[in-house]
Amino acid sequence: MARNKKNKKKVPANASQGVKNSRKTPHVNENPESFYHLNPSWRFSRVDTCHESWNCTLDNIDQDLINRLISFERQTWGELLRNTSGRTRNTQNHLIDFAAMKKEAQERAKELQLDLEDGLMSLAISGKKRLLGVMRKEVFFLVWYDKNHEVCPTTKRYT
């Protein structure tokens, strides 16, 4: 290896001759379902900080949310997406189509350009509380924290 006098960094001898680095990144054919075996991670770059009810600001986030995110990290996405509850044993965490959301949520999703996605993933936090966001492999991009299950309200049977 030769030394570059300015930076005093080691420079490969063949670098100045335009020879490509012999190390190649191996091409990996990723299985689209491989994220099921991975633990979730969280990103905040798509958070809606402006919506009055569903924002993910520090004023709106509570300890339930933090504790639940910590517990989610101990599971794989496969385990999270198989969690069921209630009499009908429906999955707690699932994708919600925009058409199933109330009108206000659909309009806000358009403003945030979320309508370009397949829908929003809904994660059950506790009781009515839901965290909604966009999935990219094992990464969950938080968008809304819905404390009252308003984005996609459900009706109780027999009421």
N, C-alpha and C. Protein backbone atom coordinates (compact mmCIF):
# COMPACT_ATOMS: atom_id res chain seq x y z
N MET A 1 0.83 -1.18 0.00
CA MET A 1 0.00 0.00 0.00
C MET A 1 0.88 1.24 0.00
N ALA A 2 0.49 2.20 -0.76
CA ALA A 2 1.20 3.49 -0.79
C ALA A 2 0.50 4.46 0.14
N ARG A 3 1.19 5.49 0.56
CA ARG A 3 0.59 6.50 1.43
C ARG A 3 0.32 7.76 0.64
N ASN A 4 -0.84 8.30 0.83
CA ASN A 4 -1.19 9.58 0.24
C ASN A 4 -0.61 10.64 1.17
N LYS A 5 0.28 11.49 0.68
CA LYS A 5 1.02 12.43 1.53
C LYS A 5 0.10 13.46 2.19
N LYS A 6 -0.95 13.91 1.51
CA LYS A 6 -1.85 14.91 2.09
C LYS A 6 -2.59 14.37 3.31
N ASN A 7 -3.31 13.28 3.13
CA ASN A 7 -4.19 12.76 4.16
C ASN A 7 -3.52 11.71 5.05
N LYS A 8 -2.37 11.25 4.64
CA LYS A 8 -1.64 10.21 5.34
C LYS A 8 -2.50 8.98 5.56
N LYS A 9 -3.36 8.68 4.60
CA LYS A 9 -4.18 7.48 4.64
C LYS A 9 -3.54 6.44 3.74
N LYS A 10 -3.75 5.20 4.08
CA LYS A 10 -3.26 4.14 3.21
C LYS A 10 -4.15 4.05 1.99
N VAL A 11 -3.52 4.06 0.83
CA VAL A 11 -4.25 3.98 -0.42
C VAL A 11 -3.74 2.75 -1.16
N PRO A 12 -4.64 1.87 -1.63
CA PRO A 12 -4.16 0.71 -2.36
C PRO A 12 -3.30 1.15 -3.55
N ALA A 13 -2.25 0.38 -3.82
CA ALA A 13 -1.30 0.73 -4.88
C ALA A 13 -1.97 0.81 -6.24
N ASN A 14 -2.97 -0.04 -6.47
CA ASN A 14 -3.61 -0.06 -7.79
C ASN A 14 -4.76 0.95 -7.90
N ALA A 15 -5.07 1.70 -6.83
CA ALA A 15 -6.20 2.65 -6.85
C ALA A 15 -5.97 3.78 -7.84
N SER A 16 -4.75 4.24 -7.95
CA SER A 16 -4.48 5.35 -8.85
C SER A 16 -4.52 4.93 -10.31
N GLN A 17 -4.50 3.65 -10.57
CA GLN A 17 -4.51 3.16 -11.95
C GLN A 17 -5.92 2.85 -12.43
N GLY A 18 -6.93 3.18 -11.62
CA GLY A 18 -8.32 2.98 -12.05
C GLY A 18 -8.78 1.54 -11.93
N VAL A 19 -8.06 0.72 -11.20
CA VAL A 19 -8.47 -0.67 -11.02
C VAL A 19 -9.52 -0.73 -9.93
N LYS A 20 -10.63 -1.42 -10.20
CA LYS A 20 -11.71 -1.51 -9.23
C LYS A 20 -11.30 -2.37 -8.06
N ASN A 21 -11.89 -2.09 -6.92
CA ASN A 21 -11.66 -2.87 -5.72
C ASN A 21 -12.09 -4.31 -5.98
N SER A 22 -11.26 -5.25 -5.59
CA SER A 22 -11.57 -6.64 -5.87
C SER A 22 -12.67 -7.18 -4.98
N ARG A 23 -12.99 -6.48 -3.88
CA ARG A 23 -14.08 -6.92 -3.02
C ARG A 23 -15.41 -6.57 -3.67
N LYS A 24 -16.25 -7.56 -3.77
CA LYS A 24 -17.57 -7.33 -4.36
C LYS A 24 -18.62 -7.64 -3.33
N THR A 25 -19.67 -6.86 -3.36
CA THR A 25 -20.79 -7.14 -2.48
C THR A 25 -21.57 -8.28 -3.10
N PRO A 26 -21.75 -9.35 -2.34
CA PRO A 26 -22.47 -10.49 -2.92
C PRO A 26 -23.92 -10.12 -3.19
N HIS A 27 -24.45 -10.59 -4.30
CA HIS A 27 -25.85 -10.35 -4.64
C HIS A 27 -26.69 -11.36 -3.88
N VAL A 28 -27.62 -10.86 -3.10
CA VAL A 28 -28.46 -11.73 -2.30
C VAL A 28 -29.88 -11.64 -2.82
N ASN A 29 -30.44 -12.78 -3.13
CA ASN A 29 -31.85 -12.82 -3.53
C ASN A 29 -32.66 -12.87 -2.25
N GLU A 30 -33.26 -11.74 -1.88
CA GLU A 30 -34.00 -11.67 -0.64
C GLU A 30 -35.38 -12.27 -0.80
N ASN A 31 -35.74 -13.05 0.19
CA ASN A 31 -37.08 -13.58 0.26
C ASN A 31 -37.97 -12.47 0.81
N PRO A 32 -39.04 -12.09 0.12
CA PRO A 32 -39.88 -10.98 0.59
C PRO A 32 -40.50 -11.26 1.96
N GLU A 33 -40.58 -12.51 2.36
CA GLU A 33 -41.16 -12.85 3.66
C GLU A 33 -40.09 -13.02 4.74
N SER A 34 -38.85 -12.70 4.43
CA SER A 34 -37.77 -12.91 5.41
C SER A 34 -37.91 -12.01 6.63
N PHE A 35 -38.66 -10.92 6.53
CA PHE A 35 -38.81 -10.02 7.66
C PHE A 35 -39.59 -10.68 8.80
N TYR A 36 -40.35 -11.74 8.52
CA TYR A 36 -41.10 -12.42 9.57
C TYR A 36 -40.20 -12.96 10.68
N HIS A 37 -38.94 -13.21 10.35
CA HIS A 37 -38.00 -13.77 11.32
C HIS A 37 -37.17 -12.68 12.01
N LEU A 38 -37.42 -11.43 11.68
CA LEU A 38 -36.65 -10.32 12.22
C LEU A 38 -37.42 -9.58 13.31
N ASN A 39 -36.68 -8.95 14.20
CA ASN A 39 -37.30 -8.13 15.23
C ASN A 39 -37.63 -6.76 14.66
N PRO A 40 -38.70 -6.15 15.14
CA PRO A 40 -39.07 -4.84 14.62
C PRO A 40 -38.09 -3.76 15.04
N SER A 41 -37.99 -2.76 14.21
CA SER A 41 -37.28 -1.54 14.56
C SER A 41 -38.17 -0.37 14.17
N TRP A 42 -37.90 0.77 14.76
CA TRP A 42 -38.81 1.91 14.64
C TRP A 42 -38.10 3.10 13.99
N ARG A 43 -38.83 3.79 13.13
CA ARG A 43 -38.34 5.03 12.52
C ARG A 43 -39.40 6.10 12.70
N PHE A 44 -38.94 7.33 12.81
CA PHE A 44 -39.84 8.44 13.12
C PHE A 44 -39.89 9.50 12.02
N SER A 45 -39.30 9.24 10.87
CA SER A 45 -39.21 10.25 9.82
C SER A 45 -40.55 10.55 9.15
N ARG A 46 -41.56 9.70 9.31
CA ARG A 46 -42.86 9.93 8.67
C ARG A 46 -43.95 10.31 9.67
N VAL A 47 -43.57 10.60 10.89
CA VAL A 47 -44.53 10.95 11.95
C VAL A 47 -45.33 12.19 11.57
N ASP A 48 -46.62 12.11 11.81
CA ASP A 48 -47.51 13.26 11.63
C ASP A 48 -47.53 14.02 12.95
N THR A 49 -46.89 15.17 12.97
CA THR A 49 -46.82 15.96 14.20
C THR A 49 -47.91 17.03 14.26
N CYS A 50 -48.71 17.13 13.21
CA CYS A 50 -49.67 18.23 13.13
C CYS A 50 -51.11 17.84 13.43
N HIS A 51 -51.48 16.59 13.26
CA HIS A 51 -52.88 16.23 13.49
C HIS A 51 -53.22 16.39 14.97
N GLU A 52 -54.35 17.00 15.22
CA GLU A 52 -54.73 17.34 16.59
C GLU A 52 -54.86 16.10 17.49
N SER A 53 -55.47 15.03 17.00
CA SER A 53 -55.72 13.86 17.84
C SER A 53 -54.68 12.76 17.71
N TRP A 54 -54.14 12.55 16.51
CA TRP A 54 -53.33 11.35 16.26
C TRP A 54 -51.84 11.63 16.18
N ASN A 55 -51.42 12.81 16.54
CA ASN A 55 -50.01 13.16 16.37
C ASN A 55 -49.12 12.30 17.28
N CYS A 56 -47.87 12.19 16.90
CA CYS A 56 -46.88 11.43 17.67
C CYS A 56 -45.86 12.39 18.28
N THR A 57 -46.35 13.40 18.96
CA THR A 57 -45.46 14.33 19.63
C THR A 57 -45.29 13.90 21.07
N LEU A 58 -44.30 14.45 21.74
CA LEU A 58 -44.04 14.08 23.13
C LEU A 58 -45.23 14.37 24.03
N ASP A 59 -46.03 15.38 23.68
CA ASP A 59 -47.22 15.70 24.49
C ASP A 59 -48.27 14.59 24.41
N ASN A 60 -48.29 13.86 23.31
CA ASN A 60 -49.32 12.86 23.07
C ASN A 60 -48.88 11.45 23.43
N ILE A 61 -47.59 11.18 23.43
CA ILE A 61 -47.09 9.84 23.69
C ILE A 61 -47.13 9.56 25.19
N ASP A 62 -47.57 8.35 25.54
CA ASP A 62 -47.65 7.99 26.96
C ASP A 62 -46.78 6.76 27.25
N GLN A 63 -46.72 6.39 28.51
CA GLN A 63 -45.87 5.28 28.93
C GLN A 63 -46.34 3.95 28.35
N ASP A 64 -47.67 3.80 28.12
CA ASP A 64 -48.19 2.58 27.49
C ASP A 64 -47.50 2.32 26.15
N LEU A 65 -47.39 3.37 25.35
CA LEU A 65 -46.78 3.24 24.04
C LEU A 65 -45.32 2.82 24.16
N ILE A 66 -44.56 3.48 24.99
CA ILE A 66 -43.14 3.17 25.15
C ILE A 66 -42.97 1.73 25.62
N ASN A 67 -43.73 1.32 26.65
CA ASN A 67 -43.62 -0.04 27.17
C ASN A 67 -43.97 -1.08 26.11
N ARG A 68 -44.98 -0.78 25.31
CA ARG A 68 -45.41 -1.74 24.28
C ARG A 68 -44.36 -1.86 23.17
N LEU A 69 -43.79 -0.74 22.76
CA LEU A 69 -42.74 -0.80 21.74
C LEU A 69 -41.55 -1.62 22.24
N ILE A 70 -41.22 -1.46 23.50
CA ILE A 70 -40.12 -2.25 24.08
C ILE A 70 -40.47 -3.73 24.06
N SER A 71 -41.70 -4.08 24.42
CA SER A 71 -42.09 -5.49 24.41
C SER A 71 -42.15 -6.05 22.98
N PHE A 72 -42.58 -5.22 22.02
CA PHE A 72 -42.61 -5.66 20.63
C PHE A 72 -41.21 -6.02 20.13
N GLU A 73 -40.20 -5.29 20.58
CA GLU A 73 -38.84 -5.53 20.11
C GLU A 73 -38.32 -6.91 20.52
N ARG A 74 -38.93 -7.52 21.52
CA ARG A 74 -38.52 -8.86 21.97
C ARG A 74 -39.14 -9.96 21.12
N GLN A 75 -40.04 -9.59 20.21
CA GLN A 75 -40.72 -10.56 19.36
C GLN A 75 -40.26 -10.39 17.92
N THR A 76 -40.56 -11.36 17.09
CA THR A 76 -40.32 -11.22 15.65
C THR A 76 -41.60 -10.68 15.02
N TRP A 77 -41.48 -10.19 13.79
CA TRP A 77 -42.67 -9.71 13.09
C TRP A 77 -43.66 -10.86 12.90
N GLY A 78 -43.16 -12.06 12.68
CA GLY A 78 -44.06 -13.20 12.53
C GLY A 78 -44.91 -13.41 13.77
N GLU A 79 -44.29 -13.31 14.95
CA GLU A 79 -45.03 -13.46 16.20
C GLU A 79 -46.02 -12.31 16.38
N LEU A 80 -45.59 -11.09 16.09
CA LEU A 80 -46.47 -9.93 16.25
C LEU A 80 -47.70 -10.01 15.35
N LEU A 81 -47.50 -10.45 14.14
CA LEU A 81 -48.61 -10.48 13.19
C LEU A 81 -49.53 -11.67 13.39
N ARG A 82 -49.13 -12.62 14.24
CA ARG A 82 -50.00 -13.76 14.57
C ARG A 82 -50.76 -13.54 15.87
N ASN A 83 -50.44 -12.49 16.64
CA ASN A 83 -51.14 -12.24 17.90
C ASN A 83 -52.62 -12.07 17.66
N THR A 84 -53.42 -12.77 18.43
CA THR A 84 -54.87 -12.69 18.29
C THR A 84 -55.49 -12.31 19.63
N SER A 85 -56.74 -11.87 19.56
CA SER A 85 -57.45 -11.51 20.79
C SER A 85 -58.95 -11.58 20.57
N GLY A 86 -59.67 -11.51 21.65
CA GLY A 86 -61.13 -11.43 21.59
C GLY A 86 -61.79 -12.76 21.29
N ARG A 87 -63.10 -12.70 21.29
CA ARG A 87 -63.90 -13.91 21.02
C ARG A 87 -63.67 -14.47 19.63
N THR A 88 -63.50 -13.57 18.67
CA THR A 88 -63.36 -14.02 17.28
C THR A 88 -61.92 -14.38 16.93
N ARG A 89 -61.01 -14.13 17.87
CA ARG A 89 -59.60 -14.45 17.69
C ARG A 89 -59.01 -13.76 16.46
N ASN A 90 -59.44 -12.52 16.22
CA ASN A 90 -58.88 -11.72 15.13
C ASN A 90 -57.47 -11.28 15.48
N THR A 91 -56.66 -11.02 14.45
CA THR A 91 -55.30 -10.56 14.72
C THR A 91 -55.33 -9.13 15.25
N GLN A 92 -54.49 -8.87 16.25
CA GLN A 92 -54.43 -7.54 16.84
C GLN A 92 -53.68 -6.57 15.93
N ASN A 93 -52.66 -7.05 15.25
CA ASN A 93 -51.78 -6.22 14.44
C ASN A 93 -51.97 -6.62 12.99
N HIS A 94 -52.37 -5.67 12.17
CA HIS A 94 -52.72 -6.01 10.78
C HIS A 94 -52.68 -4.77 9.89
N LEU A 95 -52.73 -5.00 8.60
CA LEU A 95 -52.75 -3.92 7.62
C LEU A 95 -54.18 -3.40 7.48
N ILE A 96 -54.33 -2.09 7.43
CA ILE A 96 -55.64 -1.46 7.24
C ILE A 96 -55.64 -0.76 5.89
N ASP A 97 -56.59 -1.12 5.07
CA ASP A 97 -56.76 -0.48 3.77
C ASP A 97 -57.31 0.93 3.98
N PHE A 98 -56.89 1.87 3.15
CA PHE A 98 -57.34 3.26 3.31
C PHE A 98 -58.85 3.38 3.16
N ALA A 99 -59.45 2.54 2.33
CA ALA A 99 -60.90 2.60 2.13
C ALA A 99 -61.65 2.27 3.42
N ALA A 100 -61.03 1.51 4.34
CA ALA A 100 -61.68 1.14 5.59
C ALA A 100 -61.56 2.23 6.65
N MET A 101 -60.74 3.23 6.39
CA MET A 101 -60.52 4.30 7.36
C MET A 101 -61.61 5.35 7.23
N LYS A 102 -61.83 6.07 8.32
CA LYS A 102 -62.83 7.13 8.25
C LYS A 102 -62.35 8.24 7.31
N LYS A 103 -63.26 9.01 6.82
CA LYS A 103 -62.99 10.03 5.80
C LYS A 103 -61.86 10.98 6.20
N GLU A 104 -61.86 11.45 7.44
CA GLU A 104 -60.83 12.37 7.90
C GLU A 104 -59.44 11.75 7.79
N ALA A 105 -59.32 10.47 8.12
CA ALA A 105 -58.03 9.77 8.03
C ALA A 105 -57.60 9.61 6.57
N GLN A 106 -58.56 9.33 5.70
CA GLN A 106 -58.25 9.20 4.27
C GLN A 106 -57.71 10.52 3.71
N GLU A 107 -58.37 11.61 4.08
CA GLU A 107 -57.94 12.93 3.58
C GLU A 107 -56.55 13.30 4.12
N ARG A 108 -56.32 13.03 5.41
CA ARG A 108 -55.03 13.34 6.01
C ARG A 108 -53.94 12.46 5.39
N ALA A 109 -54.25 11.22 5.11
CA ALA A 109 -53.30 10.31 4.46
C ALA A 109 -52.90 10.84 3.08
N LYS A 110 -53.86 11.39 2.36
CA LYS A 110 -53.55 11.99 1.05
C LYS A 110 -52.61 13.18 1.21
N GLU A 111 -52.89 14.02 2.19
CA GLU A 111 -52.03 15.19 2.44
C GLU A 111 -50.59 14.76 2.74
N LEU A 112 -50.45 13.65 3.46
CA LEU A 112 -49.12 13.15 3.83
C LEU A 112 -48.54 12.22 2.77
N GLN A 113 -49.26 12.05 1.67
CA GLN A 113 -48.86 11.17 0.57
C GLN A 113 -48.71 9.72 1.02
N LEU A 114 -49.51 9.34 1.97
CA LEU A 114 -49.52 7.96 2.45
C LEU A 114 -50.40 7.09 1.57
N ASP A 115 -51.30 7.71 0.81
CA ASP A 115 -52.21 6.95 -0.02
C ASP A 115 -51.49 6.22 -1.15
N LEU A 116 -50.19 6.47 -1.31
CA LEU A 116 -49.40 5.75 -2.29
C LEU A 116 -49.01 4.36 -1.78
N GLU A 117 -49.23 4.12 -0.50
CA GLU A 117 -48.93 2.84 0.14
C GLU A 117 -50.12 1.90 -0.03
N ASP A 118 -49.93 0.62 0.34
CA ASP A 118 -51.02 -0.36 0.28
C ASP A 118 -52.04 -0.13 1.39
N GLY A 119 -51.61 0.53 2.44
CA GLY A 119 -52.44 0.79 3.61
C GLY A 119 -51.51 1.11 4.75
N LEU A 120 -52.06 1.18 5.95
CA LEU A 120 -51.23 1.42 7.13
C LEU A 120 -51.29 0.20 8.04
N MET A 121 -50.15 -0.15 8.60
CA MET A 121 -50.11 -1.24 9.56
C MET A 121 -50.61 -0.69 10.89
N SER A 122 -51.48 -1.43 11.53
CA SER A 122 -52.02 -1.06 12.83
C SER A 122 -51.47 -2.01 13.87
N LEU A 123 -50.84 -1.44 14.91
CA LEU A 123 -50.32 -2.23 16.02
C LEU A 123 -51.14 -1.90 17.26
N ALA A 124 -51.69 -2.92 17.90
CA ALA A 124 -52.48 -2.72 19.12
C ALA A 124 -51.54 -2.43 20.28
N ILE A 125 -51.78 -1.31 20.95
CA ILE A 125 -50.96 -0.93 22.10
C ILE A 125 -51.63 -1.42 23.37
N SER A 126 -52.84 -0.99 23.62
CA SER A 126 -53.64 -1.48 24.75
C SER A 126 -55.05 -0.95 24.57
N GLY A 127 -56.03 -1.75 24.95
CA GLY A 127 -57.42 -1.31 24.83
C GLY A 127 -57.72 -0.75 23.45
N LYS A 128 -58.10 0.53 23.41
CA LYS A 128 -58.40 1.18 22.13
C LYS A 128 -57.18 1.76 21.44
N LYS A 129 -56.07 1.85 22.12
CA LYS A 129 -54.88 2.54 21.59
C LYS A 129 -54.25 1.75 20.43
N ARG A 130 -53.99 2.47 19.34
CA ARG A 130 -53.37 1.87 18.16
C ARG A 130 -52.25 2.77 17.66
N LEU A 131 -51.21 2.14 17.17
CA LEU A 131 -50.11 2.85 16.51
C LEU A 131 -50.20 2.48 15.04
N LEU A 132 -50.25 3.49 14.18
CA LEU A 132 -50.38 3.23 12.75
C LEU A 132 -49.14 3.74 12.03
N GLY A 133 -48.71 2.96 11.05
CA GLY A 133 -47.52 3.36 10.31
C GLY A 133 -47.33 2.56 9.05
N VAL A 134 -46.20 2.80 8.42
CA VAL A 134 -45.84 2.18 7.15
C VAL A 134 -44.75 1.16 7.40
N MET A 135 -44.88 -0.01 6.79
CA MET A 135 -43.87 -1.07 6.93
C MET A 135 -42.92 -1.05 5.74
N ARG A 136 -41.64 -1.16 6.03
CA ARG A 136 -40.59 -1.35 5.03
C ARG A 136 -39.69 -2.45 5.57
N LYS A 137 -39.87 -3.65 5.06
CA LYS A 137 -39.20 -4.84 5.59
C LYS A 137 -39.47 -4.91 7.08
N GLU A 138 -38.43 -4.97 7.91
CA GLU A 138 -38.67 -5.08 9.36
C GLU A 138 -38.83 -3.73 10.05
N VAL A 139 -38.78 -2.64 9.29
CA VAL A 139 -38.83 -1.30 9.87
C VAL A 139 -40.27 -0.76 9.83
N PHE A 140 -40.71 -0.27 10.97
CA PHE A 140 -42.03 0.34 11.09
C PHE A 140 -41.83 1.84 11.20
N PHE A 141 -42.37 2.59 10.23
CA PHE A 141 -42.30 4.05 10.23
C PHE A 141 -43.58 4.57 10.90
N LEU A 142 -43.44 5.09 12.11
CA LEU A 142 -44.59 5.59 12.85
C LEU A 142 -45.21 6.78 12.12
N VAL A 143 -46.54 6.80 12.09
CA VAL A 143 -47.27 7.92 11.49
C VAL A 143 -48.23 8.52 12.52
N TRP A 144 -49.15 7.69 13.04
CA TRP A 144 -50.16 8.18 13.96
C TRP A 144 -50.22 7.34 15.22
N TYR A 145 -50.53 8.00 16.33
CA TYR A 145 -50.83 7.32 17.58
C TYR A 145 -52.30 7.60 17.88
N ASP A 146 -53.13 6.62 17.65
CA ASP A 146 -54.58 6.75 17.77
C ASP A 146 -55.01 6.18 19.12
N LYS A 147 -55.21 7.06 20.09
CA LYS A 147 -55.53 6.62 21.45
C LYS A 147 -56.98 6.13 21.62
N ASN A 148 -57.86 6.51 20.70
CA ASN A 148 -59.28 6.17 20.85
C ASN A 148 -59.83 5.30 19.73
N HIS A 149 -58.96 4.68 18.97
CA HIS A 149 -59.38 3.79 17.87
C HIS A 149 -60.31 4.51 16.91
N GLU A 150 -59.93 5.75 16.53
CA GLU A 150 -60.77 6.58 15.67
C GLU A 150 -60.45 6.46 14.19
N VAL A 151 -59.22 6.14 13.86
CA VAL A 151 -58.81 6.11 12.45
C VAL A 151 -59.61 5.07 11.69
N CYS A 152 -59.74 3.91 12.28
CA CYS A 152 -60.51 2.83 11.66
C CYS A 152 -61.41 2.22 12.73
N PRO A 153 -62.48 2.92 13.07
CA PRO A 153 -63.32 2.45 14.17
C PRO A 153 -64.03 1.14 13.84
N THR A 154 -64.22 0.36 14.85
CA THR A 154 -64.94 -0.90 14.68
C THR A 154 -66.23 -0.81 15.50
N THR A 155 -67.21 -1.56 15.08
CA THR A 155 -68.46 -1.59 15.83
C THR A 155 -68.54 -2.93 16.54
N LYS A 156 -69.02 -2.89 17.77
CA LYS A 156 -69.19 -4.13 18.51
C LYS A 156 -70.38 -4.88 17.96
N ARG A 157 -70.23 -6.20 17.91
CA ARG A 157 -71.34 -7.00 17.43
C ARG A 157 -72.47 -7.00 18.47
N TYR A 158 -73.66 -7.15 17.99
CA TYR A 158 -74.85 -7.26 18.83
C TYR A 158 -75.12 -6.00 19.65
N THR A 159 -74.73 -4.84 19.10
CA THR A 159 -75.05 -3.59 19.83
C THR A 159 -75.98 -2.74 19.02
